[in-house]
Amino acid sequence: MSTQPQPDNTNELTIQDLALMKGIIDLASERSAFKPAEMAAVGTIYNKLTNFLKVVEEQSKAAQEAQAAQAAQAAQVEDAAPESVEE
């Protein structure tokens, strides 16, 4: 049995990575790591990142709510189905 090589995921960027980047920008700005001339560019990227993460979070919540509603509806259908009676 041969072992398949695992794909290299170093080029992947996840939502968790983006949230971590937002935290890094927060920390760096609190520590005055950016020069005044850089603040506008950093702020623009930070705002874009914040808005993107907010949209992703809202979509995730909506998907979870839709999935929960479907599961509840499926459970109601199963409960409402007449049971077969064996004679």
Protein backbone atom coordinates (compact mmCIF):
# COMPACT_ATOMS: atom_id res chain seq x y z
CA MET A 1 0.00 0.00 0.00
CA SER A 2 1.50 3.33 -1.05
CA THR A 3 1.06 6.55 0.82
CA GLN A 4 -0.21 9.49 -1.24
CA PRO A 5 1.77 12.69 -0.67
CA GLN A 6 -0.28 15.34 1.08
CA PRO A 7 -0.96 18.47 -0.97
CA ASP A 8 0.94 21.56 0.07
CA ASN A 9 -1.55 23.97 1.71
CA THR A 10 0.87 26.86 2.13
CA ASN A 11 -1.00 28.91 -0.49
CA GLU A 12 -4.33 28.55 1.32
CA LEU A 13 -5.83 31.52 3.09
CA THR A 14 -8.66 30.76 5.50
CA ILE A 15 -11.21 32.92 7.28
CA GLN A 16 -9.31 32.18 10.49
CA ASP A 17 -6.14 33.53 8.86
CA LEU A 18 -7.96 36.74 7.94
CA ALA A 19 -9.32 37.12 11.47
CA LEU A 20 -5.78 36.63 12.80
CA MET A 21 -4.50 39.30 10.41
CA LYS A 22 -7.14 41.69 11.72
CA GLY A 23 -5.94 41.00 15.26
CA ILE A 24 -2.34 41.60 14.23
CA ILE A 25 -3.29 44.98 12.72
CA ASP A 26 -5.14 45.84 15.95
CA LEU A 27 -2.13 44.96 18.07
CA ALA A 28 0.36 46.75 15.81
CA SER A 29 -1.72 49.92 15.78
CA GLU A 30 -2.07 49.85 19.58
CA ARG A 31 1.72 49.67 19.79
CA SER A 32 2.16 52.59 17.34
CA ALA A 33 3.93 50.36 14.84
CA PHE A 34 2.67 52.37 11.88
CA LYS A 35 3.94 55.77 10.84
CA PRO A 36 1.32 58.51 10.42
CA ALA A 37 1.70 58.43 6.64
CA GLU A 38 0.92 54.69 6.65
CA MET A 39 -2.20 54.92 8.79
CA ALA A 40 -4.58 55.69 5.91
CA ALA A 41 -3.52 52.61 3.93
CA VAL A 42 -3.58 50.40 7.02
CA GLY A 43 -7.00 51.77 7.99
CA THR A 44 -8.41 51.13 4.53
CA ILE A 45 -7.24 47.51 4.51
CA TYR A 46 -8.41 47.05 8.10
CA ASN A 47 -11.89 48.35 7.23
CA LYS A 48 -12.12 46.12 4.15
CA LEU A 49 -11.03 43.12 6.21
CA THR A 50 -13.50 43.92 8.99
CA ASN A 51 -16.39 44.30 6.54
CA PHE A 52 -15.47 41.08 4.73
CA LEU A 53 -15.30 39.11 7.98
CA LYS A 54 -18.66 40.57 9.05
CA VAL A 55 -20.29 39.43 5.79
CA VAL A 56 -18.78 35.96 6.11
CA GLU A 57 -20.03 35.69 9.70
CA GLU A 58 -23.54 36.79 8.69
CA GLN A 59 -23.58 34.27 5.83
CA SER A 60 -22.40 31.53 8.16
CA LYS A 61 -25.12 32.34 10.70
CA ALA A 62 -27.77 32.42 7.97
CA ALA A 63 -26.61 29.04 6.65
CA GLN A 64 -26.69 27.54 10.15
CA GLU A 65 -30.17 28.93 10.77
CA ALA A 66 -31.40 27.57 7.42
CA GLN A 67 -29.91 24.18 8.21
CA ALA A 68 -31.55 24.15 11.65
CA ALA A 69 -34.89 25.15 10.10
CA GLN A 70 -34.62 22.34 7.54
CA ALA A 71 -33.80 19.83 10.27
CA ALA A 72 -36.77 21.03 12.34
CA GLN A 73 -39.06 20.82 9.34
CA ALA A 74 -37.83 17.31 8.51
CA ALA A 75 -38.47 16.26 12.12
CA GLN A 76 -42.01 17.66 11.95
CA VAL A 77 -42.68 15.76 8.72
CA GLU A 78 -41.45 12.53 10.32
CA ASP A 79 -43.61 13.13 13.40
CA ALA A 80 -46.69 13.90 11.27
CA ALA A 81 -46.31 10.81 9.04
CA PRO A 82 -48.82 8.09 9.91
CA GLU A 83 -47.26 5.03 11.44
CA SER A 84 -47.87 1.77 9.64
CA VAL A 85 -49.77 -0.76 11.67
CA GLU A 86 -48.78 -4.39 11.44
CA GLU A 87 -51.59 -6.92 11.59
